[in-house]
Amino acid sequence: MFTTTGWTAAAALSVAAAAAAPASACPDWEAAPHFGTITLQAGFAPDPAQYSITAGGTIPLERCFTGGFSGFVTTRPDFDLYWEGSSAQLTIAVQSNADAVLLVNAPDGQWYYSDDHRGTDPALTFTNPQQGLYDIWIGTYDGSRRNPGRLIFTEYNW
């Protein structure tokens, strides 16, 4: 159901099984997003859909997850994506001059992480993506903040 470059499917699934600690100062999927809510339906146009973002954060992922999540994010998600319809795949990607990381809490309650898909830009591809809420964090590997970039959604190969 999930693929990513740079991680084996088994490693990604074992990492995805980790849950954020309910303690403060960890990613909180129930919190309101910093930059808003996006609704996309299968077959959306234009594809790719792109949104301006700011990558960064101060919460170390290593403190909140087991299994190899590295980097820094904020407590609140950056965006909430509501996905509707049926598609073969949905890719969520980030392009930034910073060494960005991508953290997603998917509708199945699993956590997914990516770092360095294309150079230092992360991407996650969901095969037959579930309908529902995808909470999205765009952080940085080194803890830097206020890094401009783009959040990208596509149904095509990335």
N, C-alpha and C. Protein backbone atom coordinates (compact mmCIF):
# COMPACT_ATOMS: atom_id res chain seq x y z
N MET A 1 0.82 -1.19 0.00
CA MET A 1 0.00 0.00 0.00
C MET A 1 0.86 1.25 0.00
N PHE A 2 2.15 1.12 0.33
CA PHE A 2 3.00 2.30 0.50
C PHE A 2 4.35 2.00 -0.12
N THR A 3 4.90 2.94 -0.87
CA THR A 3 6.24 2.79 -1.41
C THR A 3 6.98 4.09 -1.25
N THR A 4 8.28 3.98 -1.10
CA THR A 4 9.12 5.17 -1.05
C THR A 4 10.52 4.80 -1.47
N THR A 5 11.20 5.68 -2.15
CA THR A 5 12.57 5.45 -2.53
C THR A 5 13.47 5.73 -1.34
N GLY A 6 14.47 4.90 -1.14
CA GLY A 6 15.40 5.10 -0.05
C GLY A 6 15.06 4.27 1.18
N TRP A 7 13.89 3.72 1.25
CA TRP A 7 13.48 2.87 2.36
C TRP A 7 12.91 1.61 1.76
N THR A 8 13.17 0.47 2.36
CA THR A 8 12.50 -0.74 1.91
C THR A 8 11.08 -0.71 2.43
N ALA A 9 10.22 -1.43 1.76
CA ALA A 9 8.82 -1.46 2.19
C ALA A 9 8.70 -2.00 3.61
N ALA A 10 9.51 -3.02 3.94
CA ALA A 10 9.44 -3.58 5.29
C ALA A 10 9.87 -2.57 6.33
N ALA A 11 10.94 -1.84 6.05
CA ALA A 11 11.39 -0.81 7.01
C ALA A 11 10.36 0.29 7.13
N ALA A 12 9.79 0.68 6.01
CA ALA A 12 8.79 1.75 6.05
C ALA A 12 7.58 1.32 6.85
N LEU A 13 7.14 0.07 6.67
CA LEU A 13 5.98 -0.40 7.42
C LEU A 13 6.27 -0.53 8.90
N SER A 14 7.49 -0.98 9.25
CA SER A 14 7.81 -1.09 10.67
C SER A 14 7.92 0.29 11.30
N VAL A 15 8.45 1.24 10.56
CA VAL A 15 8.53 2.61 11.05
C VAL A 15 7.12 3.20 11.13
N ALA A 16 6.30 2.89 10.14
CA ALA A 16 4.94 3.42 10.12
C ALA A 16 4.12 2.92 11.29
N ALA A 17 4.49 1.78 11.85
CA ALA A 17 3.73 1.23 12.97
C ALA A 17 3.96 2.01 14.26
N ALA A 18 5.02 2.82 14.29
CA ALA A 18 5.28 3.60 15.49
C ALA A 18 4.21 4.68 15.64
N ALA A 19 3.84 4.96 16.85
CA ALA A 19 2.84 6.01 17.10
C ALA A 19 3.50 7.14 17.87
N ALA A 20 3.06 8.35 17.60
CA ALA A 20 3.59 9.50 18.33
C ALA A 20 3.14 9.40 19.78
N ALA A 21 4.03 9.77 20.65
CA ALA A 21 3.69 9.78 22.06
C ALA A 21 2.67 10.88 22.32
N PRO A 22 1.71 10.63 23.19
CA PRO A 22 0.70 11.65 23.45
C PRO A 22 1.25 12.84 24.24
N ALA A 23 2.48 12.73 24.71
CA ALA A 23 3.07 13.82 25.48
C ALA A 23 3.21 15.06 24.62
N SER A 24 3.29 16.21 25.30
CA SER A 24 3.47 17.45 24.55
C SER A 24 4.81 17.43 23.84
N ALA A 25 4.95 18.29 22.88
CA ALA A 25 6.18 18.44 22.11
C ALA A 25 6.46 17.24 21.21
N CYS A 26 5.42 16.64 20.68
CA CYS A 26 5.52 15.65 19.62
C CYS A 26 4.47 15.99 18.57
N PRO A 27 4.62 15.50 17.35
CA PRO A 27 3.60 15.78 16.34
C PRO A 27 2.21 15.34 16.82
N ASP A 28 1.24 16.25 16.69
CA ASP A 28 -0.12 16.01 17.16
C ASP A 28 -1.07 16.05 15.97
N TRP A 29 -1.51 14.88 15.51
CA TRP A 29 -2.36 14.81 14.33
C TRP A 29 -3.73 15.43 14.57
N GLU A 30 -4.11 15.65 15.79
CA GLU A 30 -5.41 16.25 16.08
C GLU A 30 -5.37 17.78 16.09
N ALA A 31 -4.18 18.35 16.06
CA ALA A 31 -4.05 19.81 16.12
C ALA A 31 -4.42 20.45 14.77
N ALA A 32 -4.85 21.70 14.84
CA ALA A 32 -5.18 22.46 13.62
C ALA A 32 -3.91 22.73 12.82
N PRO A 33 -3.97 22.59 11.50
CA PRO A 33 -2.77 22.81 10.68
C PRO A 33 -2.36 24.29 10.64
N HIS A 34 -1.06 24.50 10.53
CA HIS A 34 -0.51 25.86 10.44
C HIS A 34 -1.00 26.60 9.20
N PHE A 35 -0.96 25.93 8.04
CA PHE A 35 -1.15 26.63 6.78
C PHE A 35 -2.45 26.30 6.07
N GLY A 36 -3.28 25.42 6.64
CA GLY A 36 -4.59 25.21 6.05
C GLY A 36 -4.92 23.80 5.67
N THR A 37 -6.09 23.69 5.05
CA THR A 37 -6.65 22.41 4.64
C THR A 37 -6.78 22.38 3.13
N ILE A 38 -6.43 21.25 2.55
CA ILE A 38 -6.49 21.04 1.10
C ILE A 38 -7.44 19.87 0.87
N THR A 39 -8.33 20.00 -0.10
CA THR A 39 -9.18 18.88 -0.51
C THR A 39 -8.86 18.57 -1.96
N LEU A 40 -8.50 17.32 -2.23
CA LEU A 40 -8.23 16.88 -3.60
C LEU A 40 -9.05 15.62 -3.87
N GLN A 41 -9.53 15.52 -5.10
CA GLN A 41 -10.28 14.36 -5.54
C GLN A 41 -9.49 13.66 -6.63
N ALA A 42 -9.56 12.34 -6.68
CA ALA A 42 -8.88 11.58 -7.72
C ALA A 42 -9.19 12.20 -9.09
N GLY A 43 -8.16 12.33 -9.92
CA GLY A 43 -8.31 12.95 -11.23
C GLY A 43 -8.20 14.46 -11.19
N PHE A 44 -7.73 15.03 -10.07
CA PHE A 44 -7.64 16.49 -9.93
C PHE A 44 -6.78 17.11 -11.02
N ALA A 45 -7.07 18.36 -11.33
CA ALA A 45 -6.30 19.12 -12.30
C ALA A 45 -6.15 20.54 -11.76
N PRO A 46 -5.03 21.17 -12.00
CA PRO A 46 -3.87 20.62 -12.70
C PRO A 46 -3.12 19.62 -11.81
N ASP A 47 -2.46 18.70 -12.44
CA ASP A 47 -1.63 17.71 -11.76
C ASP A 47 -0.22 17.87 -12.31
N PRO A 48 0.74 18.24 -11.50
CA PRO A 48 0.71 18.27 -10.04
C PRO A 48 0.07 19.55 -9.48
N ALA A 49 -0.52 19.39 -8.29
CA ALA A 49 -1.01 20.54 -7.51
C ALA A 49 0.15 20.97 -6.61
N GLN A 50 0.40 22.28 -6.53
CA GLN A 50 1.55 22.78 -5.78
C GLN A 50 1.12 23.89 -4.84
N TYR A 51 1.73 23.89 -3.63
CA TYR A 51 1.42 24.88 -2.60
C TYR A 51 2.72 25.39 -2.00
N SER A 52 2.79 26.67 -1.72
CA SER A 52 3.96 27.26 -1.06
C SER A 52 3.99 26.79 0.39
N ILE A 53 5.18 26.47 0.85
CA ILE A 53 5.35 25.98 2.23
C ILE A 53 6.56 26.65 2.87
N THR A 54 6.66 26.45 4.16
CA THR A 54 7.86 26.81 4.92
C THR A 54 8.27 25.56 5.68
N ALA A 55 9.44 25.03 5.37
CA ALA A 55 9.93 23.80 6.01
C ALA A 55 10.69 24.15 7.28
N GLY A 56 10.51 23.33 8.29
CA GLY A 56 11.28 23.50 9.52
C GLY A 56 10.50 23.14 10.74
N GLY A 57 11.18 23.20 11.87
CA GLY A 57 10.56 22.90 13.15
C GLY A 57 11.61 22.71 14.22
N THR A 58 11.15 22.56 15.44
CA THR A 58 12.07 22.42 16.58
C THR A 58 11.86 21.13 17.36
N ILE A 59 10.88 20.31 16.97
CA ILE A 59 10.59 19.06 17.68
C ILE A 59 11.42 17.94 17.06
N PRO A 60 12.36 17.34 17.81
CA PRO A 60 13.17 16.25 17.25
C PRO A 60 12.34 14.96 17.13
N LEU A 61 12.24 14.46 15.91
CA LEU A 61 11.45 13.26 15.66
C LEU A 61 11.97 12.04 16.41
N GLU A 62 13.28 11.98 16.65
CA GLU A 62 13.86 10.84 17.37
C GLU A 62 13.26 10.70 18.77
N ARG A 63 12.83 11.80 19.36
CA ARG A 63 12.25 11.78 20.69
C ARG A 63 10.83 11.22 20.68
N CYS A 64 10.16 11.29 19.54
CA CYS A 64 8.75 10.94 19.46
C CYS A 64 8.48 9.60 18.78
N PHE A 65 9.40 9.09 17.99
CA PHE A 65 9.20 7.88 17.22
C PHE A 65 10.38 6.94 17.38
N THR A 66 10.12 5.65 17.22
CA THR A 66 11.19 4.67 17.13
C THR A 66 11.29 4.23 15.68
N GLY A 67 12.43 3.75 15.28
CA GLY A 67 12.53 3.16 13.95
C GLY A 67 13.14 4.02 12.87
N GLY A 68 13.86 5.07 13.20
CA GLY A 68 14.63 5.77 12.18
C GLY A 68 14.09 7.09 11.68
N PHE A 69 13.11 7.69 12.33
CA PHE A 69 12.67 9.02 11.92
C PHE A 69 13.71 10.01 12.41
N SER A 70 14.22 10.85 11.51
CA SER A 70 15.21 11.87 11.87
C SER A 70 14.72 13.22 11.38
N GLY A 71 15.15 14.26 12.05
CA GLY A 71 14.80 15.61 11.64
C GLY A 71 13.93 16.30 12.67
N PHE A 72 13.43 17.47 12.29
CA PHE A 72 12.69 18.33 13.20
C PHE A 72 11.44 18.85 12.51
N VAL A 73 10.32 18.83 13.23
CA VAL A 73 9.04 19.33 12.73
C VAL A 73 8.40 20.19 13.81
N THR A 74 7.24 20.75 13.51
CA THR A 74 6.45 21.47 14.50
C THR A 74 5.47 20.48 15.16
N THR A 75 4.86 20.90 16.24
CA THR A 75 3.87 20.05 16.90
C THR A 75 2.62 19.91 16.02
N ARG A 76 2.12 21.03 15.49
CA ARG A 76 0.94 21.01 14.64
C ARG A 76 1.31 20.64 13.21
N PRO A 77 0.43 19.94 12.50
CA PRO A 77 0.72 19.67 11.09
C PRO A 77 0.80 20.97 10.31
N ASP A 78 1.50 20.94 9.19
CA ASP A 78 1.55 22.10 8.31
C ASP A 78 0.27 22.19 7.47
N PHE A 79 -0.19 21.06 6.96
CA PHE A 79 -1.40 20.99 6.15
C PHE A 79 -2.20 19.75 6.52
N ASP A 80 -3.50 19.83 6.32
CA ASP A 80 -4.38 18.68 6.33
C ASP A 80 -4.86 18.47 4.90
N LEU A 81 -4.68 17.27 4.38
CA LEU A 81 -5.18 16.92 3.05
C LEU A 81 -6.36 15.97 3.22
N TYR A 82 -7.50 16.34 2.66
CA TYR A 82 -8.64 15.44 2.57
C TYR A 82 -8.66 14.86 1.17
N TRP A 83 -8.42 13.55 1.06
CA TRP A 83 -8.35 12.86 -0.22
C TRP A 83 -9.68 12.14 -0.47
N GLU A 84 -10.21 12.34 -1.68
CA GLU A 84 -11.49 11.74 -2.06
C GLU A 84 -11.33 10.97 -3.37
N GLY A 85 -12.04 9.88 -3.50
CA GLY A 85 -12.06 9.12 -4.75
C GLY A 85 -11.07 7.97 -4.75
N SER A 86 -10.95 7.37 -5.92
CA SER A 86 -10.11 6.18 -6.10
C SER A 86 -9.05 6.47 -7.16
N SER A 87 -7.82 6.12 -6.84
CA SER A 87 -6.69 6.36 -7.73
C SER A 87 -5.67 5.25 -7.55
N ALA A 88 -4.87 5.01 -8.57
CA ALA A 88 -3.81 4.00 -8.47
C ALA A 88 -2.72 4.43 -7.49
N GLN A 89 -2.45 5.73 -7.44
CA GLN A 89 -1.42 6.22 -6.53
C GLN A 89 -1.58 7.70 -6.28
N LEU A 90 -1.03 8.12 -5.16
CA LEU A 90 -0.96 9.53 -4.79
C LEU A 90 0.41 9.76 -4.19
N THR A 91 1.14 10.71 -4.75
CA THR A 91 2.45 11.06 -4.20
C THR A 91 2.37 12.43 -3.55
N ILE A 92 2.93 12.51 -2.35
CA ILE A 92 3.09 13.77 -1.63
C ILE A 92 4.59 14.03 -1.61
N ALA A 93 5.01 15.16 -2.14
CA ALA A 93 6.44 15.46 -2.25
C ALA A 93 6.72 16.89 -1.79
N VAL A 94 7.97 17.15 -1.47
CA VAL A 94 8.42 18.48 -1.06
C VAL A 94 9.65 18.84 -1.89
N GLN A 95 9.69 20.07 -2.36
CA GLN A 95 10.89 20.63 -2.98
C GLN A 95 11.29 21.85 -2.19
N SER A 96 12.56 21.86 -1.74
CA SER A 96 13.06 22.97 -0.94
C SER A 96 14.57 23.03 -1.08
N ASN A 97 15.14 24.21 -0.87
CA ASN A 97 16.60 24.31 -0.84
C ASN A 97 17.17 23.74 0.46
N ALA A 98 16.31 23.58 1.46
CA ALA A 98 16.73 22.98 2.73
C ALA A 98 16.71 21.46 2.58
N ASP A 99 17.37 20.76 3.49
CA ASP A 99 17.30 19.30 3.56
C ASP A 99 16.01 18.95 4.28
N ALA A 100 14.92 18.84 3.53
CA ALA A 100 13.58 18.67 4.10
C ALA A 100 13.29 17.22 4.45
N VAL A 101 12.38 17.04 5.41
CA VAL A 101 11.82 15.73 5.75
C VAL A 101 10.30 15.85 5.67
N LEU A 102 9.65 14.73 5.42
CA LEU A 102 8.20 14.70 5.26
C LEU A 102 7.63 13.65 6.21
N LEU A 103 6.66 14.05 7.00
CA LEU A 103 5.99 13.17 7.95
C LEU A 103 4.49 13.24 7.65
N VAL A 104 3.85 12.07 7.52
CA VAL A 104 2.41 12.02 7.21
C VAL A 104 1.73 11.02 8.14
N ASN A 105 0.63 11.46 8.72
CA ASN A 105 -0.26 10.55 9.43
C ASN A 105 -1.43 10.31 8.48
N ALA A 106 -1.55 9.06 8.00
CA ALA A 106 -2.53 8.71 6.98
C ALA A 106 -3.87 8.31 7.60
N PRO A 107 -4.92 8.16 6.76
CA PRO A 107 -6.23 7.79 7.28
C PRO A 107 -6.25 6.47 8.06
N ASP A 108 -5.29 5.58 7.79
CA ASP A 108 -5.24 4.31 8.51
C ASP A 108 -4.61 4.45 9.90
N GLY A 109 -4.22 5.68 10.28
CA GLY A 109 -3.62 5.92 11.59
C GLY A 109 -2.13 5.65 11.63
N GLN A 110 -1.55 5.18 10.53
CA GLN A 110 -0.12 4.90 10.46
C GLN A 110 0.66 6.19 10.19
N TRP A 111 1.90 6.21 10.67
CA TRP A 111 2.82 7.33 10.42
C TRP A 111 3.78 6.92 9.33
N TYR A 112 3.99 7.80 8.36
CA TYR A 112 4.91 7.56 7.25
C TYR A 112 5.92 8.70 7.21
N TYR A 113 7.15 8.37 6.83
CA TYR A 113 8.25 9.31 6.87
C TYR A 113 9.09 9.17 5.60
N SER A 114 9.60 10.29 5.12
CA SER A 114 10.52 10.26 3.98
C SER A 114 11.58 11.33 4.15
N ASP A 115 12.77 10.97 3.69
CA ASP A 115 13.90 11.88 3.64
C ASP A 115 14.72 11.47 2.41
N ASP A 116 15.14 12.43 1.63
CA ASP A 116 16.07 12.19 0.52
C ASP A 116 15.54 11.27 -0.57
N HIS A 117 14.38 11.57 -1.12
CA HIS A 117 13.83 10.82 -2.26
C HIS A 117 14.54 11.22 -3.55
N ARG A 118 14.60 12.54 -3.79
CA ARG A 118 15.34 13.12 -4.93
C ARG A 118 16.33 14.10 -4.35
N GLY A 119 17.58 13.73 -4.27
CA GLY A 119 18.55 14.58 -3.58
C GLY A 119 18.12 14.68 -2.12
N THR A 120 17.93 15.90 -1.63
CA THR A 120 17.49 16.07 -0.24
C THR A 120 15.99 16.33 -0.13
N ASP A 121 15.25 16.15 -1.23
CA ASP A 121 13.81 16.37 -1.22
C ASP A 121 13.07 15.06 -0.93
N PRO A 122 12.15 15.07 0.03
CA PRO A 122 11.42 13.85 0.38
C PRO A 122 10.15 13.67 -0.47
N ALA A 123 9.67 12.43 -0.54
CA ALA A 123 8.40 12.13 -1.20
C ALA A 123 7.87 10.80 -0.67
N LEU A 124 6.57 10.70 -0.58
CA LEU A 124 5.88 9.47 -0.20
C LEU A 124 4.85 9.15 -1.26
N THR A 125 4.83 7.91 -1.72
CA THR A 125 3.84 7.46 -2.69
C THR A 125 2.93 6.44 -2.03
N PHE A 126 1.64 6.72 -2.03
CA PHE A 126 0.64 5.82 -1.49
C PHE A 126 -0.04 5.11 -2.65
N THR A 127 0.06 3.79 -2.70
CA THR A 127 -0.60 2.98 -3.72
C THR A 127 -2.04 2.75 -3.29
N ASN A 128 -2.99 2.96 -4.21
CA ASN A 128 -4.42 2.86 -3.88
C ASN A 128 -4.71 3.63 -2.60
N PRO A 129 -4.47 4.94 -2.60
CA PRO A 129 -4.60 5.72 -1.36
C PRO A 129 -6.01 5.66 -0.78
N GLN A 130 -6.04 5.53 0.52
CA GLN A 130 -7.32 5.53 1.23
C GLN A 130 -7.94 6.91 1.19
N GLN A 131 -9.25 6.97 1.14
CA GLN A 131 -9.94 8.24 1.27
C GLN A 131 -9.83 8.70 2.72
N GLY A 132 -9.79 10.00 2.91
CA GLY A 132 -9.77 10.53 4.26
C GLY A 132 -8.70 11.55 4.48
N LEU A 133 -8.37 11.73 5.75
CA LEU A 133 -7.47 12.79 6.20
C LEU A 133 -6.01 12.33 6.24
N TYR A 134 -5.16 13.11 5.58
CA TYR A 134 -3.70 12.94 5.63
C TYR A 134 -3.15 14.20 6.32
N ASP A 135 -2.59 14.04 7.52
CA ASP A 135 -1.95 15.16 8.22
C ASP A 135 -0.50 15.21 7.75
N ILE A 136 -0.03 16.38 7.36
CA ILE A 136 1.28 16.52 6.70
C ILE A 136 2.16 17.50 7.46
N TRP A 137 3.37 17.05 7.80
CA TRP A 137 4.40 17.91 8.40
C TRP A 137 5.56 18.01 7.44
N ILE A 138 6.09 19.21 7.26
CA ILE A 138 7.26 19.45 6.42
C ILE A 138 8.34 20.03 7.33
N GLY A 139 9.29 19.21 7.67
CA GLY A 139 10.35 19.62 8.57
C GLY A 139 11.68 19.69 7.86
N THR A 140 12.73 19.78 8.66
CA THR A 140 14.09 19.77 8.12
C THR A 140 14.94 18.77 8.88
N TYR A 141 15.92 18.25 8.20
CA TYR A 141 16.81 17.26 8.80
C TYR A 141 17.68 17.88 9.89
N ASP A 142 18.11 19.13 9.68
CA ASP A 142 19.07 19.76 10.58
C ASP A 142 18.44 20.70 11.61
N GLY A 143 17.13 20.85 11.60
CA GLY A 143 16.47 21.73 12.57
C GLY A 143 16.39 23.18 12.13
N SER A 144 16.81 23.47 10.90
CA SER A 144 16.68 24.85 10.43
C SER A 144 15.20 25.17 10.24
N ARG A 145 14.89 26.47 10.25
CA ARG A 145 13.49 26.90 10.15
C ARG A 145 13.35 27.96 9.09
N ARG A 146 12.10 28.23 8.73
CA ARG A 146 11.73 29.28 7.78
C ARG A 146 12.36 29.07 6.40
N ASN A 147 12.35 27.84 5.94
CA ASN A 147 12.89 27.48 4.64
C ASN A 147 11.76 27.41 3.61
N PRO A 148 11.75 28.30 2.61
CA PRO A 148 10.68 28.26 1.62
C PRO A 148 10.80 27.02 0.73
N GLY A 149 9.66 26.61 0.21
CA GLY A 149 9.63 25.47 -0.70
C GLY A 149 8.23 25.25 -1.23
N ARG A 150 8.03 24.07 -1.82
CA ARG A 150 6.75 23.72 -2.41
C ARG A 150 6.31 22.34 -1.93
N LEU A 151 5.04 22.22 -1.61
CA LEU A 151 4.39 20.95 -1.33
C LEU A 151 3.69 20.54 -2.61
N ILE A 152 3.93 19.30 -3.04
CA ILE A 152 3.44 18.84 -4.34
C ILE A 152 2.60 17.58 -4.16
N PHE A 153 1.47 17.54 -4.85
CA PHE A 153 0.62 16.35 -4.90
C PHE A 153 0.50 15.94 -6.36
N THR A 154 0.68 14.64 -6.64
CA THR A 154 0.52 14.16 -8.00
C THR A 154 0.03 12.72 -8.00
N GLU A 155 -0.72 12.38 -9.03
CA GLU A 155 -1.13 10.99 -9.25
C GLU A 155 -0.20 10.31 -10.25
N TYR A 156 0.74 11.05 -10.83
CA TYR A 156 1.70 10.49 -11.77
C TYR A 156 2.94 9.99 -11.02
N ASN A 157 3.78 9.25 -11.74
CA ASN A 157 5.05 8.79 -11.14
C ASN A 157 5.90 9.99 -10.81
N TRP A 158 6.55 9.94 -9.67
CA TRP A 158 7.37 11.06 -9.21
C TRP A 158 8.80 10.61 -9.07
